[in-house]
């Protein structure tokens, strides 16, 4: 089942605790390739070195690949409707990460993408 992460309120207390415990376990132990052969498409309307670096480094450490795009350069929501972009990207990626100006953009992506959408 698809699980989006648009806001921290999307997660239960138990889910947050599970994520923290998993992060601690991964940090302490041998690097596991849990995301081997998985891909993340990341789109940034807001430039953010720390966000981009953290997503790309985490995917790499876990065996996955990240494809990052500037939302302005690709015409996010301008050249093509968001529903079309979400559908096409989801057909080629295992997850979508977005750092966008409007929360409604996240909601639209989550509605139309068949893969998890991460804020």
N, C-alpha and C. Protein backbone atom coordinates (compact mmCIF):
# COMPACT_ATOMS: atom_id res chain seq x y z
N UNK A 1 0.84 -1.19 0.00
CA UNK A 1 0.00 0.00 0.00
C UNK A 1 0.89 1.25 0.00
N UNK A 2 0.52 2.21 -0.79
CA UNK A 2 1.27 3.46 -0.92
C UNK A 2 1.13 4.30 0.36
N UNK A 3 2.25 4.85 0.82
CA UNK A 3 2.24 5.71 2.00
C UNK A 3 3.00 6.99 1.67
N UNK A 4 2.28 8.11 1.65
CA UNK A 4 2.89 9.41 1.40
C UNK A 4 3.35 10.01 2.72
N UNK A 5 4.34 10.89 2.63
CA UNK A 5 4.80 11.63 3.80
C UNK A 5 4.83 13.10 3.42
N UNK A 6 3.68 13.74 3.58
CA UNK A 6 3.54 15.15 3.23
C UNK A 6 3.75 16.04 4.43
N UNK A 7 3.46 15.51 5.61
CA UNK A 7 3.58 16.27 6.85
C UNK A 7 3.82 15.29 7.99
N UNK A 8 4.47 15.74 9.03
CA UNK A 8 4.71 14.87 10.18
C UNK A 8 3.40 14.37 10.79
N UNK A 9 2.33 15.12 10.60
CA UNK A 9 1.05 14.67 11.15
C UNK A 9 0.48 13.48 10.38
N UNK A 10 1.10 13.11 9.25
CA UNK A 10 0.68 11.92 8.51
C UNK A 10 1.11 10.64 9.21
N UNK A 11 2.02 10.77 10.18
CA UNK A 11 2.56 9.59 10.86
C UNK A 11 2.01 9.48 12.27
N UNK A 12 1.79 8.23 12.67
CA UNK A 12 1.39 7.98 14.05
C UNK A 12 2.63 8.05 14.95
N UNK A 13 2.40 8.12 16.24
CA UNK A 13 3.51 8.13 17.20
C UNK A 13 4.36 6.88 17.03
N UNK A 14 3.71 5.72 16.87
CA UNK A 14 4.44 4.47 16.69
C UNK A 14 5.29 4.47 15.42
N UNK A 15 4.77 5.06 14.35
CA UNK A 15 5.54 5.14 13.10
C UNK A 15 6.77 6.03 13.27
N UNK A 16 6.62 7.14 13.95
CA UNK A 16 7.75 8.03 14.20
C UNK A 16 8.81 7.31 15.04
N UNK A 17 8.39 6.63 16.09
CA UNK A 17 9.33 5.90 16.94
C UNK A 17 10.03 4.79 16.15
N UNK A 18 9.29 4.12 15.27
CA UNK A 18 9.87 3.06 14.44
C UNK A 18 10.94 3.65 13.51
N UNK A 19 10.65 4.78 12.90
CA UNK A 19 11.61 5.43 11.99
C UNK A 19 12.88 5.83 12.75
N UNK A 20 12.71 6.37 13.94
CA UNK A 20 13.87 6.77 14.74
C UNK A 20 14.70 5.55 15.12
N UNK A 21 14.04 4.48 15.55
CA UNK A 21 14.75 3.26 15.92
C UNK A 21 15.49 2.67 14.72
N UNK A 22 14.86 2.68 13.56
CA UNK A 22 15.49 2.18 12.35
C UNK A 22 16.71 3.03 11.98
N UNK A 23 16.58 4.34 12.09
CA UNK A 23 17.69 5.24 11.78
C UNK A 23 18.88 4.98 12.72
N UNK A 24 18.60 4.80 13.99
CA UNK A 24 19.66 4.52 14.96
C UNK A 24 20.35 3.20 14.61
N UNK A 25 19.55 2.17 14.29
CA UNK A 25 20.09 0.86 13.94
C UNK A 25 20.97 0.95 12.68
N UNK A 26 20.48 1.67 11.67
CA UNK A 26 21.25 1.81 10.43
C UNK A 26 22.53 2.59 10.65
N UNK A 27 22.46 3.61 11.49
CA UNK A 27 23.63 4.45 11.76
C UNK A 27 24.72 3.65 12.47
N UNK A 28 24.32 2.76 13.37
CA UNK A 28 25.27 1.99 14.16
C UNK A 28 25.86 0.81 13.39
N UNK A 29 25.05 0.20 12.55
CA UNK A 29 25.44 -1.06 11.93
C UNK A 29 26.06 -0.93 10.56
N UNK A 30 26.28 -2.10 9.98
CA UNK A 30 26.81 -2.19 8.63
C UNK A 30 25.79 -1.59 7.67
N UNK A 31 26.28 -0.89 6.68
CA UNK A 31 25.38 -0.27 5.70
C UNK A 31 24.64 -1.36 4.92
N UNK A 32 23.33 -1.30 4.97
CA UNK A 32 22.51 -2.27 4.25
C UNK A 32 21.97 -1.62 2.99
N UNK A 33 21.92 -2.37 1.94
CA UNK A 33 21.42 -1.87 0.65
C UNK A 33 19.91 -2.11 0.56
N UNK A 34 19.17 -1.50 1.49
CA UNK A 34 17.72 -1.69 1.56
C UNK A 34 16.99 -1.13 0.35
N UNK A 35 17.61 -0.19 -0.35
CA UNK A 35 16.96 0.43 -1.51
C UNK A 35 17.70 0.09 -2.81
N UNK A 36 18.34 -1.07 -2.84
CA UNK A 36 19.07 -1.50 -4.02
C UNK A 36 18.15 -1.52 -5.23
N UNK A 37 18.58 -0.91 -6.30
CA UNK A 37 17.83 -0.83 -7.57
C UNK A 37 16.57 0.01 -7.47
N UNK A 38 16.43 0.80 -6.43
CA UNK A 38 15.28 1.71 -6.31
C UNK A 38 15.71 3.11 -6.73
N UNK A 39 14.73 3.89 -7.19
CA UNK A 39 15.05 5.25 -7.63
C UNK A 39 14.12 6.27 -7.00
N UNK A 40 14.70 7.42 -6.74
CA UNK A 40 13.97 8.56 -6.19
C UNK A 40 14.11 9.72 -7.17
N UNK A 41 13.00 10.29 -7.59
CA UNK A 41 13.03 11.52 -8.36
C UNK A 41 12.75 12.65 -7.39
N UNK A 42 13.66 13.61 -7.32
CA UNK A 42 13.52 14.75 -6.41
C UNK A 42 13.39 16.02 -7.24
N UNK A 43 12.36 16.80 -6.92
CA UNK A 43 12.11 18.06 -7.62
C UNK A 43 12.15 19.18 -6.59
N UNK A 44 12.94 20.20 -6.90
CA UNK A 44 13.13 21.32 -5.97
C UNK A 44 12.71 22.63 -6.62
N UNK A 45 11.63 23.22 -6.12
CA UNK A 45 11.29 24.60 -6.49
C UNK A 45 12.10 25.56 -5.63
N UNK A 46 12.33 25.15 -4.39
CA UNK A 46 13.14 25.92 -3.45
C UNK A 46 14.53 25.30 -3.42
N UNK A 47 15.56 26.06 -3.74
CA UNK A 47 16.90 25.47 -3.67
C UNK A 47 17.27 25.16 -2.22
N UNK A 48 17.84 23.99 -2.01
CA UNK A 48 18.22 23.61 -0.65
C UNK A 48 19.36 22.60 -0.71
N UNK A 49 20.55 23.05 -0.41
CA UNK A 49 21.71 22.18 -0.42
C UNK A 49 21.55 21.05 0.59
N UNK A 50 21.15 21.37 1.81
CA UNK A 50 21.07 20.35 2.86
C UNK A 50 20.03 19.29 2.54
N UNK A 51 18.86 19.71 2.05
CA UNK A 51 17.81 18.74 1.72
C UNK A 51 18.26 17.84 0.58
N UNK A 52 18.79 18.46 -0.46
CA UNK A 52 19.23 17.67 -1.62
C UNK A 52 20.34 16.71 -1.24
N UNK A 53 21.33 17.20 -0.53
CA UNK A 53 22.45 16.37 -0.12
C UNK A 53 21.99 15.21 0.76
N UNK A 54 21.09 15.48 1.69
CA UNK A 54 20.65 14.41 2.60
C UNK A 54 19.87 13.33 1.86
N UNK A 55 19.00 13.71 0.93
CA UNK A 55 18.27 12.71 0.15
C UNK A 55 19.23 11.90 -0.72
N UNK A 56 20.13 12.59 -1.43
CA UNK A 56 21.03 11.90 -2.34
C UNK A 56 22.00 10.98 -1.60
N UNK A 57 22.51 11.45 -0.48
CA UNK A 57 23.44 10.63 0.30
C UNK A 57 22.74 9.40 0.88
N UNK A 58 21.56 9.60 1.43
CA UNK A 58 20.82 8.47 2.01
C UNK A 58 20.49 7.43 0.95
N UNK A 59 20.00 7.87 -0.20
CA UNK A 59 19.69 6.92 -1.27
C UNK A 59 20.95 6.16 -1.70
N UNK A 60 22.05 6.87 -1.84
CA UNK A 60 23.30 6.22 -2.25
C UNK A 60 23.75 5.19 -1.20
N UNK A 61 23.73 5.58 0.07
CA UNK A 61 24.16 4.66 1.13
C UNK A 61 23.28 3.42 1.20
N UNK A 62 22.01 3.56 0.84
CA UNK A 62 21.09 2.42 0.91
C UNK A 62 20.98 1.68 -0.42
N UNK A 63 21.81 2.06 -1.40
CA UNK A 63 21.88 1.32 -2.65
C UNK A 63 21.01 1.85 -3.77
N UNK A 64 20.30 2.94 -3.54
CA UNK A 64 19.41 3.49 -4.56
C UNK A 64 20.05 4.62 -5.34
N UNK A 65 19.28 5.15 -6.28
CA UNK A 65 19.74 6.26 -7.11
C UNK A 65 18.76 7.41 -7.00
N UNK A 66 19.29 8.63 -7.06
CA UNK A 66 18.46 9.84 -7.01
C UNK A 66 18.65 10.63 -8.30
N UNK A 67 17.54 11.12 -8.82
CA UNK A 67 17.54 11.98 -10.00
C UNK A 67 16.89 13.29 -9.58
N UNK A 68 17.69 14.35 -9.53
CA UNK A 68 17.22 15.64 -9.01
C UNK A 68 17.00 16.64 -10.13
N UNK A 69 15.91 17.41 -9.99
CA UNK A 69 15.54 18.39 -11.01
C UNK A 69 15.12 19.70 -10.37
N UNK A 70 15.42 20.78 -11.04
CA UNK A 70 14.98 22.12 -10.63
C UNK A 70 13.54 22.29 -11.12
N UNK A 71 12.62 22.50 -10.21
CA UNK A 71 11.20 22.63 -10.56
C UNK A 71 10.93 23.74 -11.54
N UNK A 72 11.67 24.83 -11.43
CA UNK A 72 11.48 25.95 -12.36
C UNK A 72 11.97 25.58 -13.75
N UNK A 73 13.08 24.88 -13.82
CA UNK A 73 13.67 24.52 -15.12
C UNK A 73 12.78 23.54 -15.88
N UNK A 74 12.10 22.65 -15.15
CA UNK A 74 11.24 21.68 -15.84
C UNK A 74 9.81 22.19 -16.00
N UNK A 75 9.54 23.39 -15.51
CA UNK A 75 8.20 23.97 -15.67
C UNK A 75 7.15 23.27 -14.84
N UNK A 76 7.49 22.98 -13.59
CA UNK A 76 6.58 22.28 -12.69
C UNK A 76 5.23 22.96 -12.64
N UNK A 77 4.20 22.26 -13.10
CA UNK A 77 2.84 22.78 -13.09
C UNK A 77 2.57 23.86 -14.12
N UNK A 78 3.55 24.14 -14.98
CA UNK A 78 3.38 25.20 -15.99
C UNK A 78 3.29 24.59 -17.39
N UNK A 79 4.33 23.86 -17.78
CA UNK A 79 4.36 23.26 -19.12
C UNK A 79 3.42 22.07 -19.24
N UNK A 80 3.31 21.34 -18.16
CA UNK A 80 2.42 20.17 -18.13
C UNK A 80 1.64 20.21 -16.83
N UNK A 81 0.41 19.73 -16.86
CA UNK A 81 -0.35 19.68 -15.60
C UNK A 81 0.34 18.75 -14.59
N UNK A 82 0.18 19.08 -13.33
CA UNK A 82 0.81 18.29 -12.27
C UNK A 82 0.36 16.84 -12.31
N UNK A 83 -0.91 16.60 -12.62
CA UNK A 83 -1.37 15.21 -12.65
C UNK A 83 -0.62 14.40 -13.71
N UNK A 84 -0.33 15.00 -14.87
CA UNK A 84 0.44 14.30 -15.90
C UNK A 84 1.87 14.06 -15.44
N UNK A 85 2.48 15.08 -14.85
CA UNK A 85 3.86 14.93 -14.36
C UNK A 85 3.94 13.83 -13.30
N UNK A 86 3.01 13.83 -12.37
CA UNK A 86 3.01 12.83 -11.31
C UNK A 86 2.87 11.43 -11.89
N UNK A 87 1.98 11.26 -12.84
CA UNK A 87 1.75 9.96 -13.47
C UNK A 87 3.01 9.46 -14.18
N UNK A 88 3.61 10.33 -14.99
CA UNK A 88 4.79 9.94 -15.77
C UNK A 88 5.98 9.65 -14.86
N UNK A 89 6.24 10.53 -13.91
CA UNK A 89 7.37 10.31 -13.00
C UNK A 89 7.17 9.02 -12.21
N UNK A 90 5.96 8.79 -11.73
CA UNK A 90 5.68 7.58 -10.95
C UNK A 90 5.87 6.31 -11.78
N UNK A 91 5.71 6.40 -13.08
CA UNK A 91 5.90 5.22 -13.93
C UNK A 91 7.38 4.88 -14.08
N UNK A 92 8.26 5.81 -13.70
CA UNK A 92 9.70 5.59 -13.88
C UNK A 92 10.49 5.64 -12.58
N UNK A 93 9.84 5.90 -11.46
CA UNK A 93 10.54 6.03 -10.18
C UNK A 93 9.81 5.25 -9.10
N UNK A 94 10.54 4.95 -8.04
CA UNK A 94 9.94 4.22 -6.92
C UNK A 94 9.40 5.16 -5.85
N UNK A 95 9.82 6.42 -5.89
CA UNK A 95 9.32 7.43 -4.95
C UNK A 95 9.62 8.81 -5.54
N UNK A 96 8.88 9.81 -5.05
CA UNK A 96 9.05 11.18 -5.50
C UNK A 96 9.22 12.06 -4.26
N UNK A 97 10.29 12.86 -4.26
CA UNK A 97 10.51 13.83 -3.19
C UNK A 97 10.31 15.22 -3.78
N UNK A 98 9.58 16.06 -3.07
CA UNK A 98 9.28 17.41 -3.55
C UNK A 98 9.61 18.44 -2.48
N UNK A 99 10.26 19.50 -2.90
CA UNK A 99 10.44 20.69 -2.05
C UNK A 99 9.86 21.83 -2.87
N UNK A 100 8.62 22.15 -2.56
CA UNK A 100 7.86 23.08 -3.41
C UNK A 100 7.35 24.27 -2.61
N UNK A 101 6.91 25.28 -3.33
CA UNK A 101 6.43 26.50 -2.69
C UNK A 101 5.03 26.35 -2.09
N UNK A 102 4.19 25.55 -2.72
CA UNK A 102 2.80 25.42 -2.29
C UNK A 102 2.48 24.01 -1.82
N UNK A 103 1.87 23.88 -0.65
CA UNK A 103 1.48 22.57 -0.14
C UNK A 103 0.51 21.88 -1.09
N UNK A 104 -0.30 22.66 -1.78
CA UNK A 104 -1.27 22.08 -2.72
C UNK A 104 -0.58 21.30 -3.83
N UNK A 105 0.64 21.68 -4.19
CA UNK A 105 1.40 20.93 -5.19
C UNK A 105 1.71 19.54 -4.68
N UNK A 106 2.12 19.44 -3.42
CA UNK A 106 2.37 18.13 -2.79
C UNK A 106 1.12 17.27 -2.81
N UNK A 107 0.01 17.87 -2.42
CA UNK A 107 -1.26 17.14 -2.34
C UNK A 107 -1.65 16.62 -3.72
N UNK A 108 -1.49 17.45 -4.75
CA UNK A 108 -1.82 17.01 -6.11
C UNK A 108 -0.91 15.87 -6.56
N UNK A 109 0.39 16.00 -6.32
CA UNK A 109 1.30 14.92 -6.68
C UNK A 109 0.90 13.63 -5.99
N UNK A 110 0.62 13.70 -4.70
CA UNK A 110 0.25 12.51 -3.94
C UNK A 110 -1.04 11.89 -4.47
N UNK A 111 -1.95 12.71 -4.91
CA UNK A 111 -3.23 12.22 -5.44
C UNK A 111 -3.02 11.41 -6.72
N UNK A 112 -2.13 11.85 -7.59
CA UNK A 112 -1.99 11.23 -8.91
C UNK A 112 -0.82 10.27 -9.05
N UNK A 113 0.16 10.34 -8.18
CA UNK A 113 1.31 9.44 -8.26
C UNK A 113 0.96 8.10 -7.64
N UNK A 114 1.38 7.04 -8.28
CA UNK A 114 1.14 5.69 -7.77
C UNK A 114 2.27 5.21 -6.88
N UNK A 115 3.23 6.10 -6.61
CA UNK A 115 4.35 5.79 -5.72
C UNK A 115 4.34 6.79 -4.57
N UNK A 116 5.03 6.50 -3.48
CA UNK A 116 5.05 7.44 -2.35
C UNK A 116 5.61 8.81 -2.72
N UNK A 117 4.99 9.84 -2.16
CA UNK A 117 5.43 11.22 -2.33
C UNK A 117 5.92 11.71 -0.98
N UNK A 118 7.11 12.31 -0.97
CA UNK A 118 7.76 12.75 0.27
C UNK A 118 7.98 14.25 0.21
N UNK A 119 7.60 14.93 1.28
CA UNK A 119 7.83 16.37 1.38
C UNK A 119 9.25 16.61 1.86
